Protein backbone atom coordinates (compact mmCIF):
# COMPACT_ATOMS: atom_id res chain seq x y z
CA UNK A 1 -13.66 -33.63 29.12
CA UNK A 2 -17.24 -34.26 28.00
CA UNK A 3 -20.47 -32.28 28.33
CA UNK A 4 -22.87 -34.73 30.00
CA UNK A 5 -25.55 -32.20 30.92
CA UNK A 6 -26.18 -28.68 29.63
CA UNK A 7 -25.14 -26.11 32.20
CA UNK A 8 -23.21 -28.63 34.30
CA UNK A 9 -19.43 -28.99 34.72
CA UNK A 10 -17.63 -31.12 32.16
CA UNK A 11 -16.87 -34.71 33.14
CA UNK A 12 -13.57 -36.57 32.70
CA UNK A 13 -14.10 -39.79 30.75
CA UNK A 14 -11.71 -42.38 29.35
CA UNK A 15 -12.36 -44.25 26.12
CA UNK A 16 -10.36 -45.87 23.30
CA UNK A 17 -8.78 -43.57 20.76
CA UNK A 18 -11.17 -43.23 17.79
CA UNK A 19 -10.00 -44.30 14.34
CA UNK A 20 -10.21 -41.78 11.49
CA UNK A 21 -12.70 -42.51 8.74
CA UNK A 22 -12.35 -41.80 5.05
CA UNK A 23 -11.10 -38.28 4.47
CA UNK A 24 -10.24 -37.80 8.13
CA UNK A 25 -7.10 -37.43 10.21
CA UNK A 26 -6.54 -38.16 13.88
CA UNK A 27 -4.58 -35.52 15.72
CA UNK A 28 -2.71 -35.99 18.98
CA UNK A 29 -3.67 -32.77 20.79
CA UNK A 30 -0.77 -30.66 22.05
CA UNK A 31 -2.86 -27.64 23.08
CA UNK A 32 -6.47 -26.49 22.87
CA UNK A 33 -7.53 -22.91 23.47
CA UNK A 34 -10.50 -22.13 25.70
CA UNK A 35 -12.94 -19.91 23.83
CA UNK A 36 -16.01 -17.99 24.99
CA UNK A 37 -17.97 -20.01 22.43
CA UNK A 38 -17.18 -23.06 24.57
CA UNK A 39 -19.11 -21.37 27.38
CA UNK A 40 -22.05 -20.85 25.03
CA UNK A 41 -21.95 -24.55 24.07
CA UNK A 42 -21.85 -25.65 27.71
CA UNK A 43 -24.55 -23.18 28.77
CA UNK A 44 -26.89 -24.31 25.97
CA UNK A 45 -26.97 -20.80 24.52
CA UNK A 46 -26.50 -21.99 20.92
CA UNK A 47 -29.30 -23.60 18.87
CA UNK A 48 -29.96 -27.31 19.37
CA UNK A 49 -27.60 -27.88 22.31
CA UNK A 50 -26.08 -31.34 22.43
CA UNK A 51 -24.89 -33.49 25.29
CA UNK A 52 -22.15 -36.09 25.05
CA UNK A 53 -19.99 -33.67 23.05
CA UNK A 54 -16.32 -32.89 23.71
CA UNK A 55 -15.89 -29.09 23.45
CA UNK A 56 -12.88 -27.23 22.09
CA UNK A 57 -12.12 -25.80 18.65
CA UNK A 58 -8.74 -24.09 18.92
CA UNK A 59 -6.64 -27.21 18.46
CA UNK A 60 -2.95 -27.61 17.70
CA UNK A 61 -1.47 -31.09 17.46
CA UNK A 62 0.32 -33.68 15.36
CA UNK A 63 -1.21 -36.11 12.91
CA UNK A 64 -0.92 -39.65 14.29
CA UNK A 65 -3.35 -41.56 12.03
CA UNK A 66 -4.61 -40.95 8.50
CA UNK A 67 -7.84 -42.22 6.98
CA UNK A 68 -8.31 -43.42 3.42
CA UNK A 69 -8.35 -40.83 0.66
CA UNK A 70 -6.44 -38.14 2.57
CA UNK A 71 -3.82 -36.19 0.67
CA UNK A 72 -1.48 -33.44 1.81
CA UNK A 73 -0.79 -34.63 5.36
CA UNK A 74 1.90 -36.92 6.71
CA UNK A 75 2.26 -38.62 10.07
CA UNK A 76 3.81 -36.21 12.56
CA UNK A 77 2.74 -33.09 10.67
CA UNK A 78 1.65 -30.20 12.90
CA UNK A 79 -1.90 -29.07 12.15
CA UNK A 80 -4.56 -26.72 13.45
CA UNK A 81 -8.23 -27.63 13.75
CA UNK A 82 -10.66 -24.68 13.76
CA UNK A 83 -14.35 -24.13 14.58
CA UNK A 84 -15.53 -24.91 11.02
CA UNK A 85 -15.47 -28.71 10.93
CA UNK A 86 -16.94 -29.29 7.47
CA UNK A 87 -19.43 -27.92 4.96
CA UNK A 88 -21.72 -29.51 2.39
CA UNK A 89 -20.01 -27.88 -0.59
CA UNK A 90 -23.24 -27.82 -2.61
CA UNK A 91 -25.63 -25.30 -1.05
CA UNK A 92 -26.16 -21.80 -2.45
CA UNK A 93 -23.63 -20.35 -0.01
CA UNK A 94 -20.86 -22.89 -0.52
CA UNK A 95 -21.00 -22.58 -4.29
CA UNK A 96 -20.34 -18.83 -4.17
CA UNK A 97 -17.45 -18.94 -1.70
CA UNK A 98 -19.47 -18.23 1.45
CA UNK A 99 -18.96 -21.56 3.18
CA UNK A 100 -19.12 -19.83 6.56
CA UNK A 101 -22.89 -19.63 5.95
CA UNK A 102 -23.28 -23.24 4.78
CA UNK A 103 -26.75 -24.74 5.27
CA UNK A 104 -25.36 -28.09 6.47
CA UNK A 105 -22.11 -27.46 8.34
CA UNK A 106 -20.47 -29.23 11.25
CA UNK A 107 -18.60 -27.39 13.97
CA UNK A 108 -15.70 -28.64 16.03
CA UNK A 109 -16.57 -28.91 19.70
CA UNK A 110 -20.26 -28.24 19.07
CA UNK A 111 -21.65 -30.75 16.58
CA UNK A 112 -18.55 -32.96 16.42
CA UNK A 113 -16.07 -33.78 19.18
CA UNK A 114 -13.38 -31.21 19.76
CA UNK A 115 -10.06 -30.73 21.45
CA UNK A 116 -10.72 -30.97 25.19
CA UNK A 117 -9.13 -34.40 24.84
CA UNK A 118 -5.86 -36.17 24.12
CA UNK A 119 -6.85 -36.87 20.49
CA UNK A 120 -9.31 -35.35 18.03
CA UNK A 121 -10.67 -36.44 14.66
CA UNK A 122 -10.88 -33.84 11.90
CA UNK A 123 -12.04 -33.69 8.31
CA UNK A 124 -8.66 -33.27 6.61
CA UNK A 125 -10.05 -30.72 4.15
CA UNK A 126 -10.78 -28.32 7.02
CA UNK A 127 -7.52 -28.70 8.96
CA UNK A 128 -4.69 -26.24 8.46
CA UNK A 129 -1.06 -27.19 8.00
CA UNK A 130 1.08 -25.31 10.52
CA UNK A 131 4.75 -24.41 10.39
CA UNK A 132 6.99 -25.91 13.05
CA UNK A 133 7.95 -22.51 14.47
CA UNK A 134 6.05 -21.08 17.43
CA UNK A 135 4.77 -22.75 20.57
CA UNK A 136 1.67 -24.94 20.47
CA UNK A 137 -0.05 -23.11 23.33
CA UNK A 138 0.67 -19.70 21.79
CA UNK A 139 -0.71 -20.69 18.39
CA UNK A 140 -3.85 -22.49 19.62
CA UNK A 141 -5.89 -19.28 20.19
CA UNK A 142 -5.20 -18.25 16.61
CA UNK A 143 -7.53 -21.04 15.45
CA UNK A 144 -10.62 -19.09 16.56
CA UNK A 145 -9.81 -15.94 18.49
CA UNK A 146 -7.37 -14.99 15.76
CA UNK A 147 -9.43 -16.17 12.81
CA UNK A 148 -12.74 -14.59 13.84
CA UNK A 149 -10.86 -11.47 14.85
CA UNK A 150 -9.26 -11.34 11.41
CA UNK A 151 -12.64 -11.76 9.72
CA UNK A 152 -14.15 -9.04 11.92
CA UNK A 153 -11.25 -6.69 11.15
CA UNK A 154 -11.81 -7.24 7.43
CA UNK A 155 -15.53 -6.51 7.93
CA UNK A 156 -14.62 -3.23 9.62
CA UNK A 157 -13.21 -2.24 6.21
CA UNK A 158 -10.79 0.64 5.65
CA UNK A 159 -10.65 2.55 8.92
CA UNK A 160 -7.97 4.42 10.83
CA UNK A 161 -9.48 4.64 14.32
CA UNK A 162 -10.90 1.32 15.46
CA UNK A 163 -12.52 0.50 18.78
CA UNK A 164 -12.36 -2.99 20.32
CA UNK A 165 -15.08 -3.69 22.90
CA UNK A 166 -14.10 -6.56 25.20
CA UNK A 167 -10.34 -6.90 25.37
CA UNK A 168 -9.91 -10.66 25.65
CA UNK A 169 -8.39 -13.37 23.48
CA UNK A 170 -9.59 -12.05 20.10
CA UNK A 171 -9.05 -8.37 20.80
CA UNK A 172 -5.50 -8.76 22.09
CA UNK A 173 -4.58 -10.55 18.85
CA UNK A 174 -6.50 -8.15 16.57
CA UNK A 175 -4.97 -5.14 18.31
CA UNK A 176 -1.52 -6.30 17.25
CA UNK A 177 -2.65 -6.81 13.65
CA UNK A 178 -4.35 -3.41 13.55
CA UNK A 179 -1.28 -1.66 14.94
CA UNK A 180 0.89 -3.44 12.34
CA UNK A 181 -1.54 -2.07 9.72
CA UNK A 182 -0.91 1.42 11.15
CA UNK A 183 -4.40 1.82 12.59
CA UNK A 184 -5.14 3.51 15.92
CA UNK A 185 -6.59 1.05 18.44
CA UNK A 186 -9.04 2.13 21.15
CA UNK A 187 -9.66 -0.54 23.79
CA UNK A 188 -12.91 -0.75 25.77
CA UNK A 189 -13.00 -2.94 28.87
CA UNK A 190 -15.30 -3.59 31.79
CA UNK A 191 -15.64 -0.29 33.67
CA UNK A 192 -12.87 0.08 36.20
CA UNK A 193 -10.73 -2.79 34.84
CA UNK A 194 -7.43 -0.92 35.03
CA UNK A 195 -5.31 -4.06 34.67
CA UNK A 196 -6.80 -4.95 31.28
CA UNK A 197 -6.60 -1.33 30.18
CA UNK A 198 -2.87 -1.30 30.98
CA UNK A 199 -2.54 -4.58 29.08
CA UNK A 200 -4.17 -2.98 26.04
CA UNK A 201 -1.90 0.04 26.22
CA UNK A 202 1.14 -2.23 26.49
CA UNK A 203 0.04 -3.89 23.23
CA UNK A 204 -0.05 -0.53 21.46
CA UNK A 205 -3.56 0.83 22.00
CA UNK A 206 -3.59 4.64 21.87
CA UNK A 207 -6.47 4.81 24.36
CA UNK A 208 -8.02 2.44 26.86
CA UNK A 209 -11.05 2.95 29.05
CA UNK A 210 -14.30 1.47 30.25
CA UNK A 211 -17.13 0.53 27.93
CA UNK A 212 -19.11 3.33 29.58
CA UNK A 213 -16.58 5.90 28.32
CA UNK A 214 -16.03 7.52 24.96
CA UNK A 215 -12.71 8.71 23.51
CA UNK A 216 -12.29 12.36 22.53
CA UNK A 217 -12.28 11.55 18.80
CA UNK A 218 -15.08 9.61 17.05
CA UNK A 219 -14.15 6.13 15.83
CA UNK A 220 -14.20 5.07 12.19
CA UNK A 221 -15.31 1.56 13.17
CA UNK A 222 -15.78 -0.66 16.20
CA UNK A 223 -15.72 -4.42 16.78
CA UNK A 224 -17.75 -5.97 19.58
CA UNK A 225 -16.13 -9.08 21.03
CA UNK A 226 -17.97 -8.91 24.36
CA UNK A 227 -21.31 -10.77 24.10
CA UNK A 228 -23.22 -7.87 25.61
CA UNK A 229 -26.09 -6.47 23.55
CA UNK A 230 -26.10 -3.21 25.51
CA UNK A 231 -22.75 -2.37 23.91
CA UNK A 232 -24.33 -2.08 20.45
CA UNK A 233 -25.89 1.37 21.02
CA UNK A 234 -22.77 2.44 22.94
CA UNK A 235 -20.57 1.54 19.99
CA UNK A 236 -22.91 3.20 17.50
CA UNK A 237 -22.73 6.37 19.56
CA UNK A 238 -18.92 6.22 19.48
CA UNK A 239 -18.50 5.91 15.68
CA UNK A 240 -18.55 8.78 13.24
CA UNK A 241 -21.06 9.38 10.45
CA UNK A 242 -20.70 6.57 7.92
CA UNK A 243 -18.95 4.41 10.54
CA UNK A 244 -19.45 0.70 11.02
CA UNK A 245 -20.02 -1.50 14.07
CA UNK A 246 -19.14 -5.20 13.68
CA UNK A 247 -20.57 -7.81 16.06
CA UNK A 248 -18.07 -10.68 16.17
CA UNK A 249 -19.66 -13.05 18.67
CA UNK A 250 -21.68 -16.16 17.85
CA UNK A 251 -24.05 -15.30 20.71
CA UNK A 252 -24.99 -12.04 22.38
CA UNK A 253 -27.49 -10.92 24.98
CA UNK A 254 -30.48 -9.04 23.59
CA UNK A 255 -29.78 -5.68 22.01
CA UNK A 256 -31.83 -3.01 23.79
CA UNK A 257 -34.00 -0.49 22.03
CA UNK A 258 -32.08 2.61 20.95
CA UNK A 259 -32.96 5.87 19.16
CA UNK A 260 -32.78 5.84 15.38
CA UNK A 261 -30.41 8.81 15.44
CA UNK A 262 -27.61 6.46 16.55
CA UNK A 263 -27.95 4.50 13.30
CA UNK A 264 -28.77 7.47 11.08
CA UNK A 265 -26.17 9.26 8.95
CA UNK A 266 -25.28 6.01 7.22
CA UNK A 267 -23.81 4.19 10.18
CA UNK A 268 -23.83 0.44 9.67
CA UNK A 269 -24.36 -2.50 12.02
CA UNK A 270 -23.11 -5.86 10.70
CA UNK A 271 -22.19 -9.30 12.03
CA UNK A 272 -19.62 -11.90 11.11
CA UNK A 273 -20.34 -15.62 11.30
CA UNK A 274 -17.96 -18.56 11.62
CA UNK A 275 -15.05 -18.47 9.15
CA UNK A 276 -13.96 -19.71 5.76
CA UNK A 277 -10.88 -21.73 4.98
CA UNK A 278 -9.62 -18.73 3.05
CA UNK A 279 -9.74 -16.70 6.28
CA UNK A 280 -7.55 -19.35 7.88
CA UNK A 281 -4.99 -19.45 5.09
CA UNK A 282 -4.75 -15.64 5.02
CA UNK A 283 -4.44 -15.15 8.75
CA UNK A 284 -2.03 -18.02 9.41
CA UNK A 285 0.25 -16.67 6.68
CA UNK A 286 0.03 -13.12 8.07
CA UNK A 287 0.47 -13.84 11.79
CA UNK A 288 4.22 -14.65 11.66
CA UNK A 289 4.85 -11.48 9.63
CA UNK A 290 3.02 -9.39 12.23
CA UNK A 291 4.96 -11.09 15.01
CA UNK A 292 1.86 -11.72 17.11
CA UNK A 293 2.62 -12.47 20.74
CA UNK A 294 -0.25 -14.39 22.35
CA UNK A 295 -0.72 -13.98 26.11
CA UNK A 296 -1.73 -17.40 27.40
CA UNK A 297 -2.55 -18.99 30.75
CA UNK A 298 -2.03 -22.78 30.66
CA UNK A 299 -4.23 -25.30 32.47
CA UNK A 300 -3.99 -29.11 32.61
CA UNK A 301 -6.74 -30.81 30.62
CA UNK A 302 -8.36 -32.13 33.80
CA UNK A 303 -8.73 -28.50 34.97
CA UNK A 304 -10.93 -27.50 32.05
CA UNK A 305 -13.78 -26.52 34.37
CA UNK A 306 -11.48 -24.18 36.30
CA UNK A 307 -10.26 -22.62 33.06
CA UNK A 308 -13.86 -22.06 31.94
CA UNK A 309 -14.79 -20.52 35.28
CA UNK A 310 -11.78 -18.20 35.11
CA UNK A 311 -12.76 -17.18 31.58
CA UNK A 312 -16.31 -16.44 32.68
CA UNK A 313 -15.04 -14.31 35.56
CA UNK A 314 -12.32 -12.56 33.54
CA UNK A 315 -9.52 -13.74 35.82
CA UNK A 316 -6.75 -13.74 33.19
CA UNK A 317 -5.52 -11.59 30.32
CA UNK A 318 -5.38 -12.96 26.79
CA UNK A 319 -6.36 -16.60 26.38
CA UNK A 320 -6.56 -19.79 28.44
CA UNK A 321 -5.11 -22.95 26.90
CA UNK A 322 -5.60 -26.58 27.94
CA UNK A 323 -2.53 -28.81 27.81
CA UNK A 324 -3.24 -32.59 27.73
């Protein structure tokens, strides 16, 4: 499913399977999660939008071809392909372990073809080996929703009461991790969305309400998964003195003006960007211990446009997954 024109529906195309180059593997896609970042790619909301790209960066599949110079993977091995497609390894960020901020990166499904397809090519150094346990569709959202959620949770630092604004794919995974860590989870949804609030409570949240509400107790930290800039001052108002608000999205509508008193008293506003391979190794090792249960809605690959429309409209709980 290829992006032929920014803002237009994806188009089904058929072409020969690509051959992996040096250092690359070809993966037969078993499942690919549908991420809100895919909407940003299709809408042209990210810098330098590209046409002709195949979206999708939450890929689970099996290696079916191996390029020269690849070590550590065998034919048939189950792997995950994340958003971070490659980095330069030499810039000031890469050399100090901050490859998520690389000056010359590639990104799966944005600057290199992704997983809305039957096969995908990946730089072997940036693919993750996966255990054979667990369903492909259930694990696929871990490759971005889980990973960026894990990075955002780490950025929230040591906190007991944590608010999650936008209870979608990332938040429903992070909520389970936070509960396992013995934190109290407060879920904020679209105002009046009782179904999602019940979903959050079922996953262990101690409180669930609309984003226009505030719990009785101030939060220690909050993570914003919803790409809505107006939630920034709302979250700042909900955290205690010295609290932290983490913006986890790659794109967000403009943040409105707000009074300085919301930031005063050493509240902090930070963002997280992309991921590192270390994030992936840590989270993929932790997830089975937590016993994460991913709520997924499957769609055939040809129905990618319907899955994206349903994501945009909030018609499902958890994550959508394309099945070739």
